[in-house]
Amino acid sequence: MLNSMEGPLGKIYSMPTAILLIVGMGLSAFLFYSLMKAAENGNVLMVVLLAVAISIVAFVISRAIKFQKMKEF
């Protein structure tokens, strides 16, 4: 089994928590803004894709924070 620090998310898992939260909030805000714009234009496919993207960002950020907190103990 691969170590949690290996792979494409290794850099994200090693970032400080405060920076990780700020980047996550900024990215989520941009995606949410884009979602609202797509909804105004009536583009259902983009609304669904952006909602999935927001969920993925939230999932990755929460996993990274969980990994950092588990590493402390």
N, C-alpha and C. Protein backbone atom coordinates (compact mmCIF):
# COMPACT_ATOMS: atom_id res chain seq x y z
N MET A 1 0.84 -1.19 0.00
CA MET A 1 0.00 0.00 0.00
C MET A 1 0.88 1.24 0.00
N LEU A 2 0.47 2.25 -0.74
CA LEU A 2 1.26 3.46 -0.85
C LEU A 2 1.18 4.29 0.43
N ASN A 3 2.25 4.96 0.71
CA ASN A 3 2.27 5.89 1.83
C ASN A 3 1.35 7.06 1.50
N SER A 4 0.70 7.63 2.48
CA SER A 4 -0.25 8.72 2.25
C SER A 4 0.41 9.97 1.68
N MET A 5 1.70 10.12 1.90
CA MET A 5 2.39 11.31 1.42
C MET A 5 2.82 11.16 -0.04
N GLU A 6 2.72 9.97 -0.61
CA GLU A 6 3.11 9.77 -1.99
C GLU A 6 1.94 10.07 -2.91
N GLY A 7 2.25 10.26 -4.17
CA GLY A 7 1.20 10.47 -5.14
C GLY A 7 0.95 11.95 -5.40
N PRO A 8 -0.08 12.22 -6.17
CA PRO A 8 -0.33 13.60 -6.60
C PRO A 8 -0.79 14.53 -5.47
N LEU A 9 -1.30 13.99 -4.39
CA LEU A 9 -1.80 14.83 -3.30
C LEU A 9 -0.77 15.02 -2.18
N GLY A 10 0.43 14.54 -2.37
CA GLY A 10 1.46 14.64 -1.34
C GLY A 10 1.76 16.07 -0.93
N LYS A 11 1.84 16.97 -1.90
CA LYS A 11 2.12 18.38 -1.58
C LYS A 11 0.97 19.00 -0.81
N ILE A 12 -0.25 18.64 -1.17
CA ILE A 12 -1.41 19.20 -0.48
C ILE A 12 -1.44 18.73 0.97
N TYR A 13 -1.11 17.47 1.19
CA TYR A 13 -1.13 16.93 2.55
C TYR A 13 -0.06 17.53 3.44
N SER A 14 1.01 18.06 2.84
CA SER A 14 2.09 18.61 3.64
C SER A 14 1.99 20.13 3.84
N MET A 15 0.98 20.77 3.26
CA MET A 15 0.81 22.22 3.42
C MET A 15 0.33 22.53 4.84
N PRO A 16 0.71 23.70 5.36
CA PRO A 16 0.17 24.11 6.68
C PRO A 16 -1.35 24.24 6.63
N THR A 17 -1.99 23.96 7.74
CA THR A 17 -3.44 23.93 7.80
C THR A 17 -4.07 25.28 7.44
N ALA A 18 -3.50 26.36 7.93
CA ALA A 18 -4.08 27.69 7.66
C ALA A 18 -4.05 28.00 6.17
N ILE A 19 -2.95 27.72 5.52
CA ILE A 19 -2.84 27.98 4.08
C ILE A 19 -3.80 27.07 3.32
N LEU A 20 -3.90 25.84 3.76
CA LEU A 20 -4.81 24.89 3.13
C LEU A 20 -6.26 25.37 3.21
N LEU A 21 -6.64 25.89 4.37
CA LEU A 21 -8.00 26.40 4.53
C LEU A 21 -8.25 27.63 3.67
N ILE A 22 -7.28 28.53 3.60
CA ILE A 22 -7.44 29.74 2.80
C ILE A 22 -7.55 29.40 1.32
N VAL A 23 -6.69 28.52 0.85
CA VAL A 23 -6.75 28.10 -0.56
C VAL A 23 -8.07 27.39 -0.85
N GLY A 24 -8.48 26.53 0.06
CA GLY A 24 -9.74 25.81 -0.13
C GLY A 24 -10.94 26.73 -0.16
N MET A 25 -10.95 27.72 0.73
CA MET A 25 -12.07 28.68 0.74
C MET A 25 -12.08 29.52 -0.53
N GLY A 26 -10.92 29.94 -0.97
CA GLY A 26 -10.85 30.74 -2.19
C GLY A 26 -11.30 29.95 -3.41
N LEU A 27 -10.83 28.73 -3.51
CA LEU A 27 -11.21 27.88 -4.64
C LEU A 27 -12.70 27.55 -4.60
N SER A 28 -13.21 27.26 -3.42
CA SER A 28 -14.64 26.97 -3.29
C SER A 28 -15.49 28.19 -3.62
N ALA A 29 -15.05 29.36 -3.20
CA ALA A 29 -15.80 30.58 -3.50
C ALA A 29 -15.83 30.84 -5.00
N PHE A 30 -14.70 30.65 -5.67
CA PHE A 30 -14.66 30.83 -7.12
C PHE A 30 -15.57 29.82 -7.82
N LEU A 31 -15.51 28.57 -7.39
CA LEU A 31 -16.35 27.55 -8.01
C LEU A 31 -17.83 27.82 -7.75
N PHE A 32 -18.15 28.29 -6.55
CA PHE A 32 -19.54 28.60 -6.24
C PHE A 32 -20.03 29.79 -7.07
N TYR A 33 -19.18 30.79 -7.24
CA TYR A 33 -19.53 31.94 -8.08
C TYR A 33 -19.78 31.47 -9.52
N SER A 34 -18.91 30.60 -10.01
CA SER A 34 -19.08 30.07 -11.36
C SER A 34 -20.36 29.25 -11.47
N LEU A 35 -20.69 28.53 -10.41
CA LEU A 35 -21.92 27.75 -10.39
C LEU A 35 -23.14 28.66 -10.50
N MET A 36 -23.12 29.77 -9.78
CA MET A 36 -24.24 30.71 -9.84
C MET A 36 -24.36 31.34 -11.23
N LYS A 37 -23.23 31.66 -11.84
CA LYS A 37 -23.26 32.22 -13.20
C LYS A 37 -23.83 31.20 -14.18
N ALA A 38 -23.43 29.94 -14.05
CA ALA A 38 -23.94 28.90 -14.94
C ALA A 38 -25.43 28.70 -14.72
N ALA A 39 -25.87 28.81 -13.47
CA ALA A 39 -27.30 28.66 -13.18
C ALA A 39 -28.11 29.81 -13.78
N GLU A 40 -27.55 31.02 -13.74
CA GLU A 40 -28.24 32.16 -14.35
C GLU A 40 -28.39 31.98 -15.85
N ASN A 41 -27.38 31.36 -16.46
CA ASN A 41 -27.41 31.14 -17.90
C ASN A 41 -28.23 29.91 -18.28
N GLY A 42 -28.65 29.14 -17.30
CA GLY A 42 -29.47 27.96 -17.57
C GLY A 42 -28.68 26.75 -18.04
N ASN A 43 -27.40 26.72 -17.75
CA ASN A 43 -26.55 25.62 -18.19
C ASN A 43 -26.53 24.54 -17.10
N VAL A 44 -27.42 23.57 -17.23
CA VAL A 44 -27.60 22.55 -16.20
C VAL A 44 -26.36 21.66 -16.08
N LEU A 45 -25.75 21.31 -17.18
CA LEU A 45 -24.57 20.44 -17.15
C LEU A 45 -23.43 21.09 -16.36
N MET A 46 -23.19 22.37 -16.59
CA MET A 46 -22.13 23.06 -15.85
C MET A 46 -22.47 23.19 -14.37
N VAL A 47 -23.73 23.36 -14.05
CA VAL A 47 -24.13 23.44 -12.65
C VAL A 47 -23.81 22.13 -11.95
N VAL A 48 -24.13 21.02 -12.59
CA VAL A 48 -23.86 19.71 -11.99
C VAL A 48 -22.35 19.48 -11.88
N LEU A 49 -21.60 19.80 -12.93
CA LEU A 49 -20.15 19.61 -12.90
C LEU A 49 -19.48 20.48 -11.84
N LEU A 50 -19.92 21.71 -11.72
CA LEU A 50 -19.34 22.60 -10.71
C LEU A 50 -19.71 22.16 -9.30
N ALA A 51 -20.90 21.63 -9.12
CA ALA A 51 -21.28 21.11 -7.81
C ALA A 51 -20.40 19.92 -7.43
N VAL A 52 -20.11 19.08 -8.39
CA VAL A 52 -19.21 17.94 -8.14
C VAL A 52 -17.80 18.45 -7.84
N ALA A 53 -17.35 19.47 -8.55
CA ALA A 53 -16.02 20.03 -8.31
C ALA A 53 -15.92 20.62 -6.91
N ILE A 54 -16.95 21.31 -6.46
CA ILE A 54 -16.96 21.86 -5.10
C ILE A 54 -16.88 20.73 -4.08
N SER A 55 -17.59 19.66 -4.33
CA SER A 55 -17.56 18.52 -3.42
C SER A 55 -16.18 17.88 -3.37
N ILE A 56 -15.53 17.78 -4.51
CA ILE A 56 -14.19 17.19 -4.55
C ILE A 56 -13.20 18.06 -3.79
N VAL A 57 -13.29 19.37 -3.97
CA VAL A 57 -12.40 20.29 -3.24
C VAL A 57 -12.60 20.13 -1.74
N ALA A 58 -13.85 20.10 -1.31
CA ALA A 58 -14.14 19.96 0.12
C ALA A 58 -13.62 18.62 0.65
N PHE A 59 -13.78 17.57 -0.13
CA PHE A 59 -13.31 16.25 0.29
C PHE A 59 -11.79 16.21 0.43
N VAL A 60 -11.09 16.76 -0.55
CA VAL A 60 -9.62 16.75 -0.51
C VAL A 60 -9.10 17.59 0.65
N ILE A 61 -9.70 18.75 0.87
CA ILE A 61 -9.26 19.61 1.97
C ILE A 61 -9.51 18.92 3.31
N SER A 62 -10.67 18.30 3.46
CA SER A 62 -10.96 17.62 4.73
C SER A 62 -10.04 16.43 4.95
N ARG A 63 -9.71 15.70 3.90
CA ARG A 63 -8.78 14.58 4.04
C ARG A 63 -7.39 15.06 4.41
N ALA A 64 -6.96 16.18 3.82
CA ALA A 64 -5.64 16.71 4.13
C ALA A 64 -5.56 17.17 5.58
N ILE A 65 -6.60 17.83 6.05
CA ILE A 65 -6.61 18.29 7.45
C ILE A 65 -6.66 17.09 8.39
N LYS A 66 -7.44 16.09 8.05
CA LYS A 66 -7.50 14.88 8.86
C LYS A 66 -6.13 14.20 8.92
N PHE A 67 -5.46 14.13 7.77
CA PHE A 67 -4.14 13.52 7.74
C PHE A 67 -3.16 14.28 8.61
N GLN A 68 -3.22 15.61 8.55
CA GLN A 68 -2.31 16.42 9.36
C GLN A 68 -2.58 16.25 10.85
N LYS A 69 -3.84 16.18 11.22
CA LYS A 69 -4.18 16.01 12.64
C LYS A 69 -3.80 14.62 13.13
N MET A 70 -3.95 13.61 12.29
CA MET A 70 -3.56 12.26 12.68
C MET A 70 -2.04 12.14 12.80
N LYS A 71 -1.33 12.92 11.99
CA LYS A 71 0.13 12.90 12.01
C LYS A 71 0.66 13.49 13.32
N GLU A 72 -0.10 14.42 13.91
CA GLU A 72 0.33 15.05 15.16
C GLU A 72 0.33 14.08 16.32
N PHE A 73 -0.56 13.10 16.29
CA PHE A 73 -0.67 12.16 17.41
C PHE A 73 0.22 10.98 17.27
